[in-house]
Structures are given as structure tokens and as C-alpha cells.
Amino acid sequence: MLYSIFAYDVENSLPLRAEARPGHIARLKEMAEQGRLILAGPNPAVDSEEPGDAGFSGSLIVAQFDSLEDAQAWANADPYLAAGVYEKVEVKPFKKVLP
């Protein structure tokens, strides 16, 4: 089943993101190679694809897992969470309708 992972950044998370990004991206690439990743990306803190120093307000990942518990465990092991980038992470079942 698909699950959405909504993560909310702490204020001024940009330096923390930069430090933890290699590990975060490596996990996403591994999931993509397994064919389980539907989409992943950050939410810019301002209305721009390149937010610069404004940074990001959070992230969204949609991926396939065997269970909600597996999705939550994967989210809990994210390097961004360990580095203090995220203040809150919500994992929910997701039903893709379109496209």
C-alpha cells in the first residue's frame, strides 16, 4: 500500500538540512531503485522553486510499504529527523487516484 509521509521543519532548518542531506537522499535513492518511491521533495518556505536562505518548511514523500508500521519505522529512521530538521512527522495511508 502507499503511504504519505509529511514532515514539518523546525525554524531555520537549512543548515541542519545541508548537513544531513547526503544520508537522507541515499535512503530515497535506495527506495527508488526498489521501485517503491512515488515522489519525494521539500516544501519551499516561500513561493519559489529556489527559496534561497528562506529554506524549506517541510517535506513530502509518497512511497510503498507493507504496512503503516513499516512506513512509520522508515520515517523514524530518517537522517533529517535524527539531525533535528523535522519537528513533526505524520505518516498516513495514501490512495492514489490520478494520474
N, C-alpha and C. Protein backbone atom coordinates (compact mmCIF):
# COMPACT_ATOMS: atom_id res chain seq x y z
N MET A 1 0.84 -1.18 0.00
CA MET A 1 0.00 0.00 0.00
C MET A 1 0.89 1.24 0.00
N LEU A 2 0.34 2.33 -0.51
CA LEU A 2 1.05 3.60 -0.49
C LEU A 2 0.81 4.33 0.83
N TYR A 3 1.83 5.09 1.24
CA TYR A 3 1.74 5.91 2.45
C TYR A 3 2.35 7.27 2.15
N SER A 4 1.74 8.31 2.72
CA SER A 4 2.32 9.65 2.63
C SER A 4 3.04 9.95 3.94
N ILE A 5 4.18 10.56 3.79
CA ILE A 5 4.98 10.99 4.94
C ILE A 5 5.11 12.50 4.84
N PHE A 6 4.43 13.21 5.74
CA PHE A 6 4.50 14.66 5.81
C PHE A 6 5.42 15.02 6.97
N ALA A 7 6.48 15.75 6.66
CA ALA A 7 7.42 16.16 7.70
C ALA A 7 7.45 17.68 7.76
N TYR A 8 7.46 18.22 8.95
CA TYR A 8 7.43 19.66 9.19
C TYR A 8 8.77 20.09 9.79
N ASP A 9 9.42 21.04 9.14
CA ASP A 9 10.73 21.51 9.59
C ASP A 9 10.63 22.40 10.82
N VAL A 10 11.70 22.40 11.59
CA VAL A 10 11.88 23.40 12.65
C VAL A 10 12.24 24.71 11.95
N GLU A 11 12.16 25.81 12.67
CA GLU A 11 12.58 27.10 12.10
C GLU A 11 14.08 27.07 11.82
N ASN A 12 14.48 27.76 10.78
CA ASN A 12 15.89 27.88 10.41
C ASN A 12 16.56 26.52 10.23
N SER A 13 15.89 25.63 9.51
CA SER A 13 16.38 24.26 9.35
C SER A 13 17.44 24.10 8.27
N LEU A 14 17.67 25.12 7.46
CA LEU A 14 18.54 24.99 6.30
C LEU A 14 19.94 24.45 6.62
N PRO A 15 20.63 24.95 7.64
CA PRO A 15 21.96 24.39 7.95
C PRO A 15 21.88 22.92 8.38
N LEU A 16 20.84 22.56 9.12
CA LEU A 16 20.67 21.17 9.54
C LEU A 16 20.39 20.28 8.33
N ARG A 17 19.57 20.77 7.41
CA ARG A 17 19.27 20.02 6.19
C ARG A 17 20.55 19.74 5.40
N ALA A 18 21.36 20.78 5.24
CA ALA A 18 22.59 20.64 4.45
C ALA A 18 23.49 19.55 5.02
N GLU A 19 23.59 19.51 6.33
CA GLU A 19 24.46 18.53 6.97
C GLU A 19 23.95 17.10 6.82
N ALA A 20 22.64 16.90 6.93
CA ALA A 20 22.06 15.55 6.91
C ALA A 20 21.61 15.11 5.52
N ARG A 21 21.67 15.98 4.53
CA ARG A 21 21.11 15.70 3.21
C ARG A 21 21.69 14.45 2.53
N PRO A 22 23.01 14.22 2.55
CA PRO A 22 23.53 13.03 1.86
C PRO A 22 22.89 11.72 2.33
N GLY A 23 22.73 11.55 3.62
CA GLY A 23 22.11 10.34 4.15
C GLY A 23 20.63 10.25 3.81
N HIS A 24 19.95 11.39 3.85
CA HIS A 24 18.53 11.45 3.52
C HIS A 24 18.32 11.05 2.05
N ILE A 25 19.10 11.64 1.16
CA ILE A 25 18.97 11.36 -0.28
C ILE A 25 19.36 9.92 -0.58
N ALA A 26 20.36 9.39 0.07
CA ALA A 26 20.77 8.00 -0.16
C ALA A 26 19.63 7.02 0.14
N ARG A 27 18.90 7.26 1.21
CA ARG A 27 17.76 6.38 1.55
C ARG A 27 16.66 6.48 0.50
N LEU A 28 16.41 7.69 0.00
CA LEU A 28 15.38 7.87 -1.03
C LEU A 28 15.80 7.20 -2.34
N LYS A 29 17.08 7.32 -2.70
CA LYS A 29 17.57 6.67 -3.92
C LYS A 29 17.45 5.16 -3.82
N GLU A 30 17.75 4.61 -2.65
CA GLU A 30 17.62 3.17 -2.44
C GLU A 30 16.17 2.73 -2.63
N MET A 31 15.24 3.50 -2.08
CA MET A 31 13.83 3.18 -2.23
C MET A 31 13.40 3.30 -3.69
N ALA A 32 13.91 4.29 -4.40
CA ALA A 32 13.59 4.46 -5.82
C ALA A 32 14.10 3.27 -6.63
N GLU A 33 15.30 2.81 -6.32
CA GLU A 33 15.87 1.65 -7.01
C GLU A 33 15.03 0.40 -6.79
N GLN A 34 14.37 0.33 -5.65
CA GLN A 34 13.49 -0.80 -5.34
C GLN A 34 12.12 -0.66 -5.99
N GLY A 35 11.88 0.47 -6.65
CA GLY A 35 10.60 0.72 -7.31
C GLY A 35 9.47 1.08 -6.36
N ARG A 36 9.81 1.54 -5.15
CA ARG A 36 8.80 1.82 -4.13
C ARG A 36 8.49 3.30 -3.96
N LEU A 37 9.34 4.18 -4.50
CA LEU A 37 9.18 5.61 -4.31
C LEU A 37 8.30 6.19 -5.42
N ILE A 38 7.23 6.85 -5.04
CA ILE A 38 6.33 7.51 -5.99
C ILE A 38 6.78 8.95 -6.21
N LEU A 39 7.02 9.67 -5.12
CA LEU A 39 7.53 11.04 -5.22
C LEU A 39 8.13 11.45 -3.89
N ALA A 40 9.02 12.42 -3.97
CA ALA A 40 9.65 12.95 -2.76
C ALA A 40 10.18 14.34 -3.06
N GLY A 41 10.03 15.23 -2.10
CA GLY A 41 10.58 16.56 -2.27
C GLY A 41 10.24 17.47 -1.11
N PRO A 42 10.96 18.59 -1.03
CA PRO A 42 10.72 19.55 0.05
C PRO A 42 9.66 20.57 -0.32
N ASN A 43 9.11 21.21 0.69
CA ASN A 43 8.19 22.34 0.53
C ASN A 43 8.98 23.62 0.76
N PRO A 44 9.19 24.42 -0.31
CA PRO A 44 9.89 25.70 -0.10
C PRO A 44 9.11 26.58 0.89
N ALA A 45 9.82 27.32 1.70
CA ALA A 45 9.19 28.19 2.70
C ALA A 45 8.58 29.43 2.07
N VAL A 46 8.96 29.71 0.82
CA VAL A 46 8.39 30.83 0.07
C VAL A 46 7.94 30.30 -1.29
N ASP A 47 7.18 31.09 -2.01
CA ASP A 47 6.62 30.68 -3.30
C ASP A 47 7.68 30.76 -4.40
N SER A 48 8.62 29.82 -4.35
CA SER A 48 9.71 29.79 -5.32
C SER A 48 10.33 28.40 -5.33
N GLU A 49 10.72 27.94 -6.51
CA GLU A 49 11.40 26.64 -6.60
C GLU A 49 12.79 26.71 -5.97
N GLU A 50 13.38 27.88 -5.95
CA GLU A 50 14.69 28.10 -5.34
C GLU A 50 14.53 29.11 -4.20
N PRO A 51 14.21 28.63 -3.00
CA PRO A 51 13.89 29.56 -1.91
C PRO A 51 15.09 30.24 -1.27
N GLY A 52 16.29 29.87 -1.66
CA GLY A 52 17.47 30.51 -1.09
C GLY A 52 17.52 30.39 0.42
N ASP A 53 17.86 31.48 1.07
CA ASP A 53 18.01 31.48 2.53
C ASP A 53 16.70 31.25 3.27
N ALA A 54 15.55 31.40 2.59
CA ALA A 54 14.25 31.15 3.23
C ALA A 54 14.12 29.67 3.58
N GLY A 55 14.78 28.82 2.81
CA GLY A 55 14.80 27.40 3.12
C GLY A 55 13.48 26.70 2.85
N PHE A 56 13.20 25.71 3.67
CA PHE A 56 12.05 24.84 3.47
C PHE A 56 11.21 24.71 4.74
N SER A 57 9.94 24.48 4.54
CA SER A 57 9.04 24.33 5.69
C SER A 57 8.74 22.87 6.00
N GLY A 58 9.14 21.97 5.13
CA GLY A 58 8.88 20.55 5.35
C GLY A 58 9.14 19.75 4.11
N SER A 59 8.66 18.51 4.12
CA SER A 59 8.87 17.58 3.02
C SER A 59 7.66 16.67 2.86
N LEU A 60 7.53 16.13 1.65
CA LEU A 60 6.50 15.13 1.37
C LEU A 60 7.15 13.96 0.66
N ILE A 61 6.83 12.77 1.12
CA ILE A 61 7.26 11.53 0.48
C ILE A 61 6.02 10.66 0.32
N VAL A 62 5.84 10.08 -0.85
CA VAL A 62 4.80 9.08 -1.06
C VAL A 62 5.53 7.83 -1.55
N ALA A 63 5.35 6.74 -0.84
CA ALA A 63 6.07 5.51 -1.15
C ALA A 63 5.27 4.28 -0.74
N GLN A 64 5.70 3.16 -1.27
CA GLN A 64 5.03 1.90 -0.97
C GLN A 64 5.73 1.19 0.20
N PHE A 65 4.91 0.72 1.13
CA PHE A 65 5.38 -0.05 2.28
C PHE A 65 4.42 -1.21 2.50
N ASP A 66 4.85 -2.21 3.24
CA ASP A 66 3.99 -3.35 3.55
C ASP A 66 2.92 -3.02 4.57
N SER A 67 3.19 -2.02 5.41
CA SER A 67 2.23 -1.68 6.47
C SER A 67 2.48 -0.27 6.96
N LEU A 68 1.51 0.26 7.68
CA LEU A 68 1.68 1.57 8.31
C LEU A 68 2.85 1.54 9.29
N GLU A 69 3.00 0.45 9.99
CA GLU A 69 4.10 0.32 10.96
C GLU A 69 5.45 0.38 10.25
N ASP A 70 5.56 -0.27 9.08
CA ASP A 70 6.81 -0.23 8.31
C ASP A 70 7.10 1.19 7.82
N ALA A 71 6.05 1.87 7.35
CA ALA A 71 6.21 3.25 6.88
C ALA A 71 6.66 4.15 8.03
N GLN A 72 6.06 3.98 9.20
CA GLN A 72 6.42 4.79 10.36
C GLN A 72 7.85 4.50 10.79
N ALA A 73 8.24 3.24 10.78
CA ALA A 73 9.61 2.88 11.17
C ALA A 73 10.62 3.49 10.20
N TRP A 74 10.30 3.46 8.91
CA TRP A 74 11.19 4.07 7.92
C TRP A 74 11.32 5.57 8.16
N ALA A 75 10.19 6.23 8.39
CA ALA A 75 10.20 7.67 8.65
C ALA A 75 10.98 8.00 9.93
N ASN A 76 10.83 7.18 10.94
CA ASN A 76 11.52 7.42 12.22
C ASN A 76 13.03 7.29 12.11
N ALA A 77 13.51 6.58 11.08
CA ALA A 77 14.95 6.38 10.90
C ALA A 77 15.57 7.39 9.94
N ASP A 78 14.82 8.40 9.53
CA ASP A 78 15.32 9.38 8.57
C ASP A 78 16.42 10.23 9.19
N PRO A 79 17.52 10.43 8.47
CA PRO A 79 18.60 11.27 8.98
C PRO A 79 18.16 12.71 9.30
N TYR A 80 17.17 13.23 8.57
CA TYR A 80 16.68 14.57 8.89
C TYR A 80 16.03 14.61 10.27
N LEU A 81 15.34 13.57 10.64
CA LEU A 81 14.72 13.52 11.96
C LEU A 81 15.81 13.44 13.03
N ALA A 82 16.80 12.59 12.81
CA ALA A 82 17.90 12.44 13.77
C ALA A 82 18.70 13.74 13.92
N ALA A 83 18.80 14.51 12.83
CA ALA A 83 19.59 15.75 12.86
C ALA A 83 18.80 16.93 13.41
N GLY A 84 17.51 16.74 13.70
CA GLY A 84 16.71 17.82 14.24
C GLY A 84 16.08 18.73 13.20
N VAL A 85 16.09 18.31 11.92
CA VAL A 85 15.46 19.11 10.86
C VAL A 85 13.95 19.14 11.04
N TYR A 86 13.39 17.98 11.35
CA TYR A 86 11.94 17.86 11.47
C TYR A 86 11.48 18.01 12.91
N GLU A 87 10.43 18.80 13.11
CA GLU A 87 9.83 18.90 14.44
C GLU A 87 8.67 17.93 14.58
N LYS A 88 8.07 17.54 13.45
CA LYS A 88 6.93 16.63 13.49
C LYS A 88 6.87 15.86 12.18
N VAL A 89 6.50 14.57 12.25
CA VAL A 89 6.34 13.74 11.07
C VAL A 89 5.02 12.99 11.19
N GLU A 90 4.21 13.07 10.13
CA GLU A 90 2.93 12.37 10.09
C GLU A 90 2.96 11.35 8.97
N VAL A 91 2.60 10.12 9.27
CA VAL A 91 2.56 9.04 8.28
C VAL A 91 1.11 8.57 8.18
N LYS A 92 0.60 8.55 6.94
CA LYS A 92 -0.80 8.17 6.73
C LYS A 92 -0.92 7.28 5.50
N PRO A 93 -1.91 6.38 5.49
CA PRO A 93 -2.18 5.64 4.26
C PRO A 93 -2.57 6.62 3.16
N PHE A 94 -2.22 6.27 1.92
CA PHE A 94 -2.48 7.15 0.79
C PHE A 94 -3.07 6.33 -0.36
N LYS A 95 -4.13 6.85 -0.94
CA LYS A 95 -4.75 6.18 -2.07
C LYS A 95 -4.57 7.05 -3.31
N LYS A 96 -3.75 6.56 -4.26
CA LYS A 96 -3.54 7.29 -5.50
C LYS A 96 -4.74 7.10 -6.40
N VAL A 97 -5.30 8.21 -6.88
CA VAL A 97 -6.44 8.16 -7.78
C VAL A 97 -6.03 8.61 -9.19
N LEU A 98 -5.30 9.69 -9.30
CA LEU A 98 -4.84 10.21 -10.59
C LEU A 98 -3.39 10.60 -10.52
N PRO A 99 -2.64 10.68 -11.54
CA PRO A 99 -2.98 10.14 -12.86
C PRO A 99 -2.91 8.64 -12.84
